[in-house]
């Protein structure tokens, strides 16, 4: 239990949102998340992502995930690093209720453009998630959130099926579970040219 001065009392009443199961959930902002870190409410040893106001603890990486992510980062950096900033697992600001940490992302400009600020969705050209155990989440909620933010290109490096899923053309989609989607993905499998 948290001491009273470090309780969740910093959550305003209007941040409580009803969930599908009848319970209420808190819709967090980036400011609240950073404040909880600063005040020691959130474990400093763990990493969290803020996606559409929901706090999600980042899972620890298994060996295949770490290996694939490292290889993909190096390849993208070799291809694009002279002209763009290529980052791995650092914050990307999406509106007031989002701060995911994509496995890899490509930004407009150079490294020094981000010395005093986090990059935003307006800076992001490509977001890549390496996925095995979180594939459903990456295809679903996280993908919809990237689409809502207007991320033009989103790749999922699907370790299990040994393919890269390339999502383009984000758009509002009332029929989609989260209200936003990408066009059907282009699939590139290992061995395709």
N, C-alpha and C. Protein backbone atom coordinates (compact mmCIF):
# COMPACT_ATOMS: atom_id res chain seq x y z
N UNK A 1 0.84 -1.18 0.00
CA UNK A 1 0.00 0.00 0.00
C UNK A 1 0.88 1.24 0.00
N UNK A 2 0.48 2.25 -0.73
CA UNK A 2 1.25 3.48 -0.80
C UNK A 2 0.93 4.37 0.39
N UNK A 3 1.92 5.11 0.90
CA UNK A 3 1.60 6.12 1.91
C UNK A 3 0.61 7.11 1.30
N UNK A 4 -0.18 7.77 2.15
CA UNK A 4 -1.23 8.67 1.66
C UNK A 4 -0.67 9.72 0.71
N UNK A 5 0.47 10.32 1.04
CA UNK A 5 1.00 11.38 0.18
C UNK A 5 1.47 10.84 -1.18
N UNK A 6 1.62 9.55 -1.30
CA UNK A 6 2.02 8.95 -2.57
C UNK A 6 0.94 8.00 -3.06
N UNK A 7 -0.29 8.40 -2.88
CA UNK A 7 -1.40 7.54 -3.29
C UNK A 7 -1.88 7.93 -4.67
N UNK A 8 -2.86 7.22 -5.12
CA UNK A 8 -3.43 7.52 -6.42
C UNK A 8 -4.42 8.67 -6.34
N UNK A 9 -4.37 9.44 -5.25
CA UNK A 9 -5.26 10.59 -5.11
C UNK A 9 -4.97 11.67 -6.15
N UNK A 10 -3.85 11.56 -6.83
CA UNK A 10 -3.54 12.54 -7.87
C UNK A 10 -4.38 12.30 -9.12
N UNK A 11 -5.19 11.27 -9.13
CA UNK A 11 -6.05 10.97 -10.28
C UNK A 11 -7.32 11.80 -10.19
N UNK A 12 -7.58 12.69 -11.16
CA UNK A 12 -8.81 13.46 -11.13
C UNK A 12 -10.02 12.59 -11.41
N UNK A 13 -11.16 12.98 -10.86
CA UNK A 13 -12.41 12.22 -11.03
C UNK A 13 -12.74 11.98 -12.50
N UNK A 14 -12.52 13.00 -13.37
CA UNK A 14 -12.89 12.86 -14.78
C UNK A 14 -12.00 11.86 -15.53
N UNK A 15 -10.93 11.40 -14.90
CA UNK A 15 -10.06 10.43 -15.56
C UNK A 15 -10.58 9.01 -15.44
N UNK A 16 -11.59 8.80 -14.62
CA UNK A 16 -12.16 7.46 -14.47
C UNK A 16 -13.09 7.18 -15.65
N UNK A 17 -12.82 6.09 -16.35
CA UNK A 17 -13.63 5.76 -17.52
C UNK A 17 -14.21 4.36 -17.35
N UNK A 18 -15.48 4.19 -17.73
CA UNK A 18 -16.07 2.86 -17.58
C UNK A 18 -15.44 1.87 -18.55
N UNK A 19 -15.21 0.67 -18.08
CA UNK A 19 -14.69 -0.39 -18.94
C UNK A 19 -15.87 -1.24 -19.40
N UNK A 20 -15.63 -2.11 -20.37
CA UNK A 20 -16.69 -2.96 -20.90
C UNK A 20 -17.27 -3.89 -19.84
N UNK A 21 -16.47 -4.22 -18.82
CA UNK A 21 -16.93 -5.16 -17.80
C UNK A 21 -17.65 -4.48 -16.64
N UNK A 22 -17.94 -3.18 -16.77
CA UNK A 22 -18.66 -2.46 -15.73
C UNK A 22 -17.76 -1.83 -14.68
N UNK A 23 -16.51 -2.21 -14.64
CA UNK A 23 -15.56 -1.61 -13.70
C UNK A 23 -15.11 -0.26 -14.26
N UNK A 24 -14.45 0.52 -13.42
CA UNK A 24 -13.90 1.79 -13.89
C UNK A 24 -12.39 1.67 -13.99
N UNK A 25 -11.86 2.26 -15.01
CA UNK A 25 -10.41 2.29 -15.20
C UNK A 25 -9.98 3.74 -15.24
N UNK A 26 -8.73 3.98 -14.95
CA UNK A 26 -8.18 5.33 -14.97
C UNK A 26 -7.58 5.60 -16.33
N UNK A 27 -7.87 6.76 -16.89
CA UNK A 27 -7.23 7.19 -18.13
C UNK A 27 -6.12 8.16 -17.72
N UNK A 28 -4.88 7.70 -17.87
CA UNK A 28 -3.71 8.46 -17.42
C UNK A 28 -3.24 9.41 -18.51
N UNK A 29 -2.54 10.46 -18.08
CA UNK A 29 -1.87 11.36 -19.01
C UNK A 29 -0.36 11.15 -18.85
N UNK A 30 0.40 11.66 -19.80
CA UNK A 30 1.86 11.58 -19.69
C UNK A 30 2.33 12.31 -18.44
N UNK A 31 1.74 13.46 -18.17
CA UNK A 31 2.13 14.23 -16.99
C UNK A 31 1.93 13.43 -15.71
N UNK A 32 0.80 12.75 -15.58
CA UNK A 32 0.54 11.93 -14.39
C UNK A 32 1.52 10.77 -14.30
N UNK A 33 1.81 10.14 -15.43
CA UNK A 33 2.75 9.02 -15.43
C UNK A 33 4.13 9.48 -14.96
N UNK A 34 4.60 10.61 -15.48
CA UNK A 34 5.91 11.12 -15.08
C UNK A 34 5.91 11.51 -13.60
N UNK A 35 4.82 12.05 -13.14
CA UNK A 35 4.72 12.43 -11.73
C UNK A 35 4.79 11.20 -10.83
N UNK A 36 4.13 10.11 -11.24
CA UNK A 36 4.18 8.88 -10.44
C UNK A 36 5.60 8.31 -10.39
N UNK A 37 6.33 8.40 -11.51
CA UNK A 37 7.74 8.00 -11.50
C UNK A 37 8.52 8.87 -10.52
N UNK A 38 8.36 10.19 -10.67
CA UNK A 38 9.11 11.13 -9.85
C UNK A 38 8.84 10.97 -8.36
N UNK A 39 7.60 10.64 -8.00
CA UNK A 39 7.22 10.52 -6.60
C UNK A 39 7.44 9.11 -6.05
N UNK A 40 7.98 8.21 -6.86
CA UNK A 40 8.29 6.87 -6.40
C UNK A 40 7.10 5.94 -6.32
N UNK A 41 5.97 6.32 -6.91
CA UNK A 41 4.80 5.45 -6.90
C UNK A 41 5.00 4.28 -7.85
N UNK A 42 5.63 4.53 -8.97
CA UNK A 42 5.90 3.46 -9.95
C UNK A 42 7.31 2.95 -9.75
N UNK A 43 7.49 1.67 -9.87
CA UNK A 43 8.78 1.01 -9.70
C UNK A 43 9.77 1.54 -10.74
N UNK A 44 10.83 2.16 -10.28
CA UNK A 44 11.84 2.74 -11.18
C UNK A 44 12.60 1.68 -11.98
N UNK A 45 12.55 0.44 -11.52
CA UNK A 45 13.26 -0.64 -12.20
C UNK A 45 12.46 -1.24 -13.35
N UNK A 46 11.20 -0.88 -13.44
CA UNK A 46 10.35 -1.43 -14.49
C UNK A 46 10.07 -0.37 -15.54
N UNK A 47 9.75 -0.83 -16.74
CA UNK A 47 9.44 0.09 -17.83
C UNK A 47 7.97 -0.03 -18.17
N UNK A 48 7.37 1.12 -18.44
CA UNK A 48 5.95 1.18 -18.76
C UNK A 48 5.76 1.94 -20.06
N UNK A 49 4.67 1.62 -20.74
CA UNK A 49 4.24 2.38 -21.90
C UNK A 49 2.86 2.95 -21.58
N UNK A 50 2.62 4.14 -22.07
CA UNK A 50 1.30 4.76 -21.94
C UNK A 50 0.67 4.72 -23.32
N UNK A 51 -0.41 3.96 -23.45
CA UNK A 51 -1.08 3.78 -24.74
C UNK A 51 -2.55 4.09 -24.56
N UNK A 52 -2.99 5.17 -25.22
CA UNK A 52 -4.40 5.60 -25.14
C UNK A 52 -4.85 5.74 -23.69
N UNK A 53 -3.98 6.28 -22.84
CA UNK A 53 -4.33 6.49 -21.45
C UNK A 53 -4.18 5.28 -20.56
N UNK A 54 -3.83 4.13 -21.13
CA UNK A 54 -3.63 2.91 -20.34
C UNK A 54 -2.16 2.67 -20.07
N UNK A 55 -1.83 2.34 -18.83
CA UNK A 55 -0.44 2.02 -18.48
C UNK A 55 -0.20 0.53 -18.67
N UNK A 56 0.82 0.20 -19.43
CA UNK A 56 1.16 -1.19 -19.71
C UNK A 56 2.62 -1.41 -19.33
N UNK A 57 2.86 -2.42 -18.50
CA UNK A 57 4.24 -2.74 -18.15
C UNK A 57 4.88 -3.47 -19.31
N UNK A 58 6.08 -3.02 -19.69
CA UNK A 58 6.81 -3.68 -20.77
C UNK A 58 7.27 -5.04 -20.27
N UNK A 59 7.08 -6.04 -21.11
CA UNK A 59 7.53 -7.39 -20.76
C UNK A 59 9.04 -7.47 -20.91
N UNK A 60 9.65 -8.35 -20.13
CA UNK A 60 11.08 -8.56 -20.31
C UNK A 60 11.28 -9.28 -21.64
N UNK A 61 12.43 -9.05 -22.24
CA UNK A 61 12.72 -9.59 -23.56
C UNK A 61 13.30 -10.99 -23.48
N UNK A 62 12.80 -11.88 -24.33
CA UNK A 62 13.44 -13.19 -24.43
C UNK A 62 14.57 -13.09 -25.47
N UNK A 63 15.38 -14.13 -25.56
CA UNK A 63 16.55 -14.09 -26.45
C UNK A 63 16.18 -13.89 -27.92
N UNK A 64 15.18 -14.60 -28.48
CA UNK A 64 14.83 -14.35 -29.88
C UNK A 64 14.40 -12.91 -30.14
N UNK A 65 13.63 -12.33 -29.23
CA UNK A 65 13.19 -10.94 -29.39
C UNK A 65 14.39 -10.00 -29.42
N UNK A 66 15.30 -10.17 -28.46
CA UNK A 66 16.48 -9.30 -28.39
C UNK A 66 17.34 -9.44 -29.64
N UNK A 67 17.51 -10.66 -30.12
CA UNK A 67 18.33 -10.89 -31.30
C UNK A 67 17.72 -10.27 -32.55
N UNK A 68 16.43 -10.52 -32.77
CA UNK A 68 15.75 -9.98 -33.95
C UNK A 68 15.73 -8.45 -33.90
N UNK A 69 15.46 -7.89 -32.72
CA UNK A 69 15.42 -6.44 -32.59
C UNK A 69 16.78 -5.83 -32.90
N UNK A 70 17.83 -6.43 -32.39
CA UNK A 70 19.18 -5.93 -32.64
C UNK A 70 19.53 -5.97 -34.13
N UNK A 71 19.21 -7.08 -34.77
CA UNK A 71 19.49 -7.21 -36.21
C UNK A 71 18.69 -6.21 -37.03
N UNK A 72 17.41 -6.07 -36.71
CA UNK A 72 16.56 -5.12 -37.45
C UNK A 72 17.03 -3.69 -37.24
N UNK A 73 17.40 -3.35 -36.02
CA UNK A 73 17.90 -2.00 -35.75
C UNK A 73 19.16 -1.71 -36.57
N UNK A 74 20.11 -2.65 -36.53
CA UNK A 74 21.37 -2.44 -37.27
C UNK A 74 21.10 -2.26 -38.76
N UNK A 75 20.21 -3.08 -39.32
CA UNK A 75 19.92 -2.98 -40.76
C UNK A 75 19.26 -1.65 -41.10
N UNK A 76 18.28 -1.25 -40.32
CA UNK A 76 17.62 0.03 -40.58
C UNK A 76 18.59 1.19 -40.39
N UNK A 77 19.45 1.10 -39.38
CA UNK A 77 20.42 2.17 -39.16
C UNK A 77 21.39 2.27 -40.34
N UNK A 78 21.86 1.12 -40.83
CA UNK A 78 22.77 1.14 -42.00
C UNK A 78 22.09 1.74 -43.22
N UNK A 79 20.82 1.40 -43.43
CA UNK A 79 20.09 1.90 -44.60
C UNK A 79 19.69 3.37 -44.47
N UNK A 80 19.30 3.79 -43.28
CA UNK A 80 18.67 5.10 -43.14
C UNK A 80 19.40 6.08 -42.22
N UNK A 81 20.36 5.59 -41.45
CA UNK A 81 20.99 6.39 -40.42
C UNK A 81 21.73 7.63 -40.90
N UNK A 82 22.12 7.67 -42.16
CA UNK A 82 22.80 8.86 -42.69
C UNK A 82 21.83 10.01 -42.91
N UNK A 83 20.56 9.69 -43.10
CA UNK A 83 19.57 10.71 -43.46
C UNK A 83 18.49 10.93 -42.41
N UNK A 84 18.33 9.98 -41.51
CA UNK A 84 17.27 10.05 -40.51
C UNK A 84 17.80 9.60 -39.16
N UNK A 85 17.07 9.92 -38.11
CA UNK A 85 17.39 9.43 -36.77
C UNK A 85 16.68 8.09 -36.58
N UNK A 86 17.44 7.07 -36.19
CA UNK A 86 16.88 5.74 -35.94
C UNK A 86 17.06 5.45 -34.46
N UNK A 87 15.97 5.14 -33.78
CA UNK A 87 16.01 4.91 -32.34
C UNK A 87 15.45 3.55 -31.97
N UNK A 88 15.78 3.14 -30.76
CA UNK A 88 15.29 1.86 -30.25
C UNK A 88 14.87 2.02 -28.79
N UNK A 89 13.68 1.57 -28.50
CA UNK A 89 13.13 1.51 -27.14
C UNK A 89 13.33 2.79 -26.33
N UNK A 90 12.90 3.89 -26.92
CA UNK A 90 12.87 5.15 -26.19
C UNK A 90 11.52 5.81 -26.44
N UNK A 91 11.15 6.79 -25.62
CA UNK A 91 9.80 7.35 -25.70
C UNK A 91 9.47 8.04 -27.02
N UNK A 92 8.24 7.84 -27.44
CA UNK A 92 7.65 8.52 -28.59
C UNK A 92 6.34 9.12 -28.08
N UNK A 93 6.21 10.43 -28.12
CA UNK A 93 5.04 11.11 -27.56
C UNK A 93 3.91 11.10 -28.58
N UNK A 94 2.76 10.55 -28.15
CA UNK A 94 1.55 10.53 -28.97
C UNK A 94 0.44 11.19 -28.17
N UNK A 95 0.09 12.42 -28.50
CA UNK A 95 -0.97 13.18 -27.82
C UNK A 95 -0.66 13.29 -26.33
N UNK A 96 -1.68 13.61 -25.52
CA UNK A 96 -1.44 13.77 -24.08
C UNK A 96 -1.53 12.45 -23.34
N UNK A 97 -2.08 11.43 -24.01
CA UNK A 97 -2.31 10.16 -23.32
C UNK A 97 -1.49 9.01 -23.88
N UNK A 98 -0.36 9.34 -24.51
CA UNK A 98 0.44 8.27 -25.08
C UNK A 98 1.93 8.52 -25.05
N UNK A 99 2.65 7.51 -24.60
CA UNK A 99 4.10 7.52 -24.66
C UNK A 99 4.59 6.08 -24.75
N UNK A 100 4.37 5.46 -25.92
CA UNK A 100 4.93 4.12 -26.10
C UNK A 100 6.44 4.19 -26.27
N UNK A 101 7.08 3.05 -26.17
CA UNK A 101 8.51 2.93 -26.42
C UNK A 101 8.70 1.85 -27.48
N UNK A 102 8.52 2.22 -28.75
CA UNK A 102 8.61 1.22 -29.82
C UNK A 102 9.97 0.53 -29.83
N UNK A 103 9.98 -0.71 -30.30
CA UNK A 103 11.25 -1.42 -30.40
C UNK A 103 12.22 -0.65 -31.28
N UNK A 104 11.73 -0.15 -32.40
CA UNK A 104 12.56 0.64 -33.32
C UNK A 104 11.66 1.70 -33.94
N UNK A 105 12.20 2.89 -34.17
CA UNK A 105 11.45 3.87 -34.95
C UNK A 105 12.39 4.80 -35.67
N UNK A 106 11.91 5.31 -36.80
CA UNK A 106 12.68 6.19 -37.68
C UNK A 106 12.03 7.56 -37.65
N UNK A 107 12.87 8.59 -37.45
CA UNK A 107 12.39 9.95 -37.29
C UNK A 107 12.98 10.88 -38.34
N UNK A 108 12.24 11.93 -38.66
CA UNK A 108 12.76 13.00 -39.50
C UNK A 108 13.92 13.66 -38.75
N UNK A 109 14.86 14.19 -39.50
CA UNK A 109 15.91 14.99 -38.90
C UNK A 109 17.08 14.19 -38.37
N UNK A 110 17.84 14.85 -37.53
CA UNK A 110 19.08 14.29 -36.98
C UNK A 110 18.96 14.11 -35.47
N UNK A 111 19.90 13.38 -34.91
CA UNK A 111 19.91 13.09 -33.47
C UNK A 111 19.80 14.35 -32.62
N UNK A 112 20.55 15.39 -32.98
CA UNK A 112 20.57 16.61 -32.17
C UNK A 112 19.23 17.37 -32.19
N UNK A 113 18.37 17.06 -33.14
CA UNK A 113 17.04 17.69 -33.16
C UNK A 113 16.22 17.28 -31.94
N UNK A 114 16.62 16.21 -31.28
CA UNK A 114 15.85 15.67 -30.15
C UNK A 114 16.62 15.76 -28.83
N UNK A 115 17.63 16.62 -28.79
CA UNK A 115 18.42 16.76 -27.56
C UNK A 115 17.59 17.27 -26.38
N UNK A 116 16.61 18.11 -26.64
CA UNK A 116 15.85 18.74 -25.56
C UNK A 116 14.37 18.42 -25.57
N UNK A 117 13.98 17.42 -26.33
CA UNK A 117 12.57 17.03 -26.36
C UNK A 117 12.44 15.60 -26.85
N UNK A 118 11.33 14.97 -26.46
CA UNK A 118 11.02 13.66 -27.01
C UNK A 118 10.42 13.84 -28.40
N UNK A 119 10.68 12.93 -29.30
CA UNK A 119 10.01 13.00 -30.61
C UNK A 119 8.51 12.74 -30.46
N UNK A 120 7.76 13.27 -31.41
CA UNK A 120 6.30 13.10 -31.41
C UNK A 120 5.87 12.36 -32.67
N UNK A 121 4.56 12.12 -32.76
CA UNK A 121 4.03 11.44 -33.94
C UNK A 121 4.31 12.22 -35.21
N UNK A 122 4.44 13.55 -35.12
CA UNK A 122 4.74 14.35 -36.30
C UNK A 122 6.16 14.11 -36.81
N UNK A 123 7.03 13.61 -35.96
CA UNK A 123 8.42 13.33 -36.34
C UNK A 123 8.60 11.92 -36.88
N UNK A 124 7.70 11.02 -36.53
CA UNK A 124 7.88 9.59 -36.82
C UNK A 124 7.50 9.25 -38.26
N UNK A 125 8.40 8.59 -38.95
CA UNK A 125 8.16 8.12 -40.31
C UNK A 125 7.79 6.64 -40.33
N UNK A 126 8.36 5.89 -39.41
CA UNK A 126 8.16 4.44 -39.34
C UNK A 126 8.27 4.00 -37.89
N UNK A 127 7.37 3.13 -37.47
CA UNK A 127 7.44 2.50 -36.15
C UNK A 127 7.48 0.99 -36.37
N UNK A 128 8.39 0.32 -35.66
CA UNK A 128 8.56 -1.13 -35.78
C UNK A 128 8.42 -1.76 -34.40
N UNK A 129 7.58 -2.77 -34.30
CA UNK A 129 7.49 -3.58 -33.09
C UNK A 129 7.93 -5.00 -33.45
N UNK A 130 8.85 -5.54 -32.66
CA UNK A 130 9.27 -6.93 -32.81
C UNK A 130 8.35 -7.72 -31.89
N UNK A 131 7.71 -8.75 -32.42
CA UNK A 131 6.62 -9.35 -31.67
C UNK A 131 6.67 -10.87 -31.69
N UNK A 132 6.48 -11.43 -30.52
CA UNK A 132 6.23 -12.87 -30.40
C UNK A 132 5.11 -13.05 -29.38
N UNK A 133 5.38 -12.82 -28.11
CA UNK A 133 4.35 -13.03 -27.09
C UNK A 133 3.28 -11.93 -27.07
N UNK A 134 3.55 -10.77 -27.66
CA UNK A 134 2.59 -9.66 -27.64
C UNK A 134 1.96 -9.42 -29.01
N UNK A 135 1.97 -10.41 -29.87
CA UNK A 135 1.49 -10.24 -31.24
C UNK A 135 0.05 -9.73 -31.31
N UNK A 136 -0.85 -10.31 -30.53
CA UNK A 136 -2.25 -9.88 -30.55
C UNK A 136 -2.40 -8.41 -30.15
N UNK A 137 -1.67 -7.99 -29.13
CA UNK A 137 -1.71 -6.61 -28.68
C UNK A 137 -1.12 -5.67 -29.73
N UNK A 138 0.01 -6.08 -30.33
CA UNK A 138 0.67 -5.25 -31.34
C UNK A 138 -0.20 -5.10 -32.59
N UNK A 139 -0.89 -6.16 -32.98
CA UNK A 139 -1.80 -6.08 -34.14
C UNK A 139 -3.07 -5.32 -33.79
N UNK A 140 -3.50 -5.42 -32.55
CA UNK A 140 -4.78 -4.86 -32.13
C UNK A 140 -4.67 -3.46 -31.56
N UNK A 141 -4.67 -3.37 -30.23
CA UNK A 141 -4.74 -2.07 -29.56
C UNK A 141 -3.59 -1.15 -29.92
N UNK A 142 -2.37 -1.68 -29.90
CA UNK A 142 -1.22 -0.81 -30.17
C UNK A 142 -1.23 -0.35 -31.62
N UNK A 143 -1.52 -1.23 -32.55
CA UNK A 143 -1.60 -0.85 -33.96
C UNK A 143 -2.67 0.20 -34.21
N UNK A 144 -3.83 0.04 -33.57
CA UNK A 144 -4.91 1.02 -33.72
C UNK A 144 -4.49 2.38 -33.16
N UNK A 145 -3.73 2.36 -32.07
CA UNK A 145 -3.28 3.62 -31.47
C UNK A 145 -2.28 4.32 -32.38
N UNK A 146 -1.37 3.55 -32.98
CA UNK A 146 -0.44 4.16 -33.94
C UNK A 146 -1.21 4.73 -35.13
N UNK A 147 -2.23 4.01 -35.60
CA UNK A 147 -3.05 4.51 -36.71
C UNK A 147 -3.77 5.79 -36.31
N UNK A 148 -4.33 5.81 -35.12
CA UNK A 148 -5.02 7.01 -34.63
C UNK A 148 -4.07 8.20 -34.57
N UNK A 149 -2.82 7.96 -34.19
CA UNK A 149 -1.82 9.03 -34.11
C UNK A 149 -1.31 9.46 -35.48
N UNK A 150 -1.70 8.73 -36.53
CA UNK A 150 -1.28 9.10 -37.88
C UNK A 150 0.10 8.61 -38.26
N UNK A 151 0.60 7.59 -37.57
CA UNK A 151 1.90 7.01 -37.94
C UNK A 151 1.72 6.38 -39.32
N UNK A 152 2.43 6.92 -40.32
CA UNK A 152 2.20 6.55 -41.72
C UNK A 152 2.53 5.09 -42.02
N UNK A 153 3.56 4.57 -41.38
CA UNK A 153 3.97 3.20 -41.66
C UNK A 153 4.32 2.50 -40.35
N UNK A 154 3.74 1.31 -40.17
CA UNK A 154 3.91 0.52 -38.96
C UNK A 154 4.25 -0.90 -39.37
N UNK A 155 5.38 -1.40 -38.88
CA UNK A 155 5.80 -2.77 -39.18
C UNK A 155 5.73 -3.61 -37.91
N UNK A 156 5.29 -4.84 -38.08
CA UNK A 156 5.41 -5.84 -37.02
C UNK A 156 6.36 -6.92 -37.54
N UNK A 157 7.48 -7.09 -36.85
CA UNK A 157 8.38 -8.19 -37.16
C UNK A 157 7.87 -9.37 -36.34
N UNK A 158 7.17 -10.25 -37.02
CA UNK A 158 6.48 -11.37 -36.39
C UNK A 158 7.45 -12.55 -36.31
N UNK A 159 8.02 -12.74 -35.13
CA UNK A 159 9.03 -13.78 -34.94
C UNK A 159 8.45 -15.17 -35.15
N UNK A 160 7.28 -15.43 -34.59
CA UNK A 160 6.68 -16.75 -34.64
C UNK A 160 6.42 -17.22 -36.07
N UNK A 161 5.87 -16.34 -36.90
CA UNK A 161 5.53 -16.71 -38.27
C UNK A 161 6.63 -16.34 -39.27
N UNK A 162 7.75 -15.82 -38.75
CA UNK A 162 8.93 -15.48 -39.57
C UNK A 162 8.54 -14.59 -40.75
N UNK A 163 7.90 -13.46 -40.41
CA UNK A 163 7.46 -12.54 -41.45
C UNK A 163 7.43 -11.12 -40.90
N UNK A 164 7.44 -10.17 -41.82
CA UNK A 164 7.26 -8.77 -41.47
C UNK A 164 5.91 -8.34 -42.03
N UNK A 165 5.09 -7.77 -41.17
CA UNK A 165 3.77 -7.28 -41.57
C UNK A 165 3.89 -5.76 -41.73
N UNK A 166 3.66 -5.27 -42.93
CA UNK A 166 3.81 -3.84 -43.23
C UNK A 166 2.42 -3.21 -43.33
N UNK A 167 2.15 -2.32 -42.40
CA UNK A 167 0.85 -1.63 -42.34
C UNK A 167 1.03 -0.19 -42.81
N UNK A 168 0.17 0.23 -43.74
CA UNK A 168 0.23 1.60 -44.28
C UNK A 168 -1.18 2.19 -44.34
N UNK A 169 -1.23 3.47 -44.60
CA UNK A 169 -2.48 4.22 -44.77
C UNK A 169 -3.40 4.11 -43.54
N UNK A 170 -3.01 4.76 -42.45
CA UNK A 170 -3.88 4.78 -41.28
C UNK A 170 -5.15 5.57 -41.56
N UNK A 171 -6.25 5.14 -40.97
CA UNK A 171 -7.53 5.83 -41.19
C UNK A 171 -8.52 5.50 -40.07
N UNK A 172 -9.48 6.40 -39.92
CA UNK A 172 -10.59 6.13 -39.00
C UNK A 172 -11.42 5.01 -39.59
N UNK A 173 -11.86 4.09 -38.74
CA UNK A 173 -12.66 2.96 -39.20
C UNK A 173 -13.68 2.62 -38.12
N UNK A 174 -14.92 3.10 -38.28
CA UNK A 174 -15.93 2.85 -37.26
C UNK A 174 -16.19 1.36 -37.01
N UNK A 175 -15.90 0.52 -37.99
CA UNK A 175 -16.12 -0.92 -37.83
C UNK A 175 -15.00 -1.60 -37.05
N UNK A 176 -13.84 -0.94 -36.94
CA UNK A 176 -12.70 -1.52 -36.23
C UNK A 176 -12.94 -1.44 -34.72
N UNK A 177 -12.42 -2.41 -33.99
CA UNK A 177 -12.64 -2.49 -32.55
C UNK A 177 -12.27 -1.20 -31.82
N UNK A 178 -11.17 -0.56 -32.23
CA UNK A 178 -10.69 0.63 -31.54
C UNK A 178 -10.96 1.91 -32.33
N UNK A 179 -11.67 1.81 -33.46
CA UNK A 179 -12.06 3.00 -34.21
C UNK A 179 -11.06 3.49 -35.23
N UNK A 180 -9.87 2.90 -35.26
CA UNK A 180 -8.83 3.27 -36.23
C UNK A 180 -8.15 2.00 -36.72
N UNK A 181 -7.62 2.06 -37.94
CA UNK A 181 -6.98 0.88 -38.52
C UNK A 181 -6.02 1.31 -39.62
N UNK A 182 -5.29 0.34 -40.11
CA UNK A 182 -4.47 0.49 -41.32
C UNK A 182 -5.11 -0.35 -42.40
N UNK A 183 -4.74 -0.08 -43.65
CA UNK A 183 -5.14 -0.98 -44.73
C UNK A 183 -4.58 -2.37 -44.44
N UNK A 184 -5.08 -3.38 -45.14
CA UNK A 184 -4.59 -4.75 -44.96
C UNK A 184 -3.07 -4.76 -45.13
N UNK A 185 -2.37 -5.53 -44.30
CA UNK A 185 -0.91 -5.50 -44.37
C UNK A 185 -0.35 -6.19 -45.60
N UNK A 186 0.81 -5.71 -46.01
CA UNK A 186 1.63 -6.41 -46.99
C UNK A 186 2.53 -7.33 -46.16
N UNK A 187 2.59 -8.60 -46.52
CA UNK A 187 3.36 -9.57 -45.75
C UNK A 187 4.63 -9.92 -46.52
N UNK A 188 5.77 -9.78 -45.84
CA UNK A 188 7.05 -10.20 -46.41
C UNK A 188 7.57 -11.34 -45.55
N UNK A 189 7.74 -12.51 -46.16
CA UNK A 189 8.21 -13.68 -45.42
C UNK A 189 9.70 -13.89 -45.65
N UNK A 190 10.31 -14.59 -44.72
CA UNK A 190 11.72 -14.93 -44.86
C UNK A 190 11.90 -15.65 -46.18
N UNK A 191 12.85 -15.20 -46.98
CA UNK A 191 13.10 -15.81 -48.28
C UNK A 191 12.46 -15.06 -49.44
N UNK A 192 11.48 -14.18 -49.15
CA UNK A 192 10.88 -13.36 -50.21
C UNK A 192 11.92 -12.36 -50.71
N UNK A 193 11.79 -12.00 -51.97
CA UNK A 193 12.71 -10.98 -52.50
C UNK A 193 11.96 -9.76 -52.95
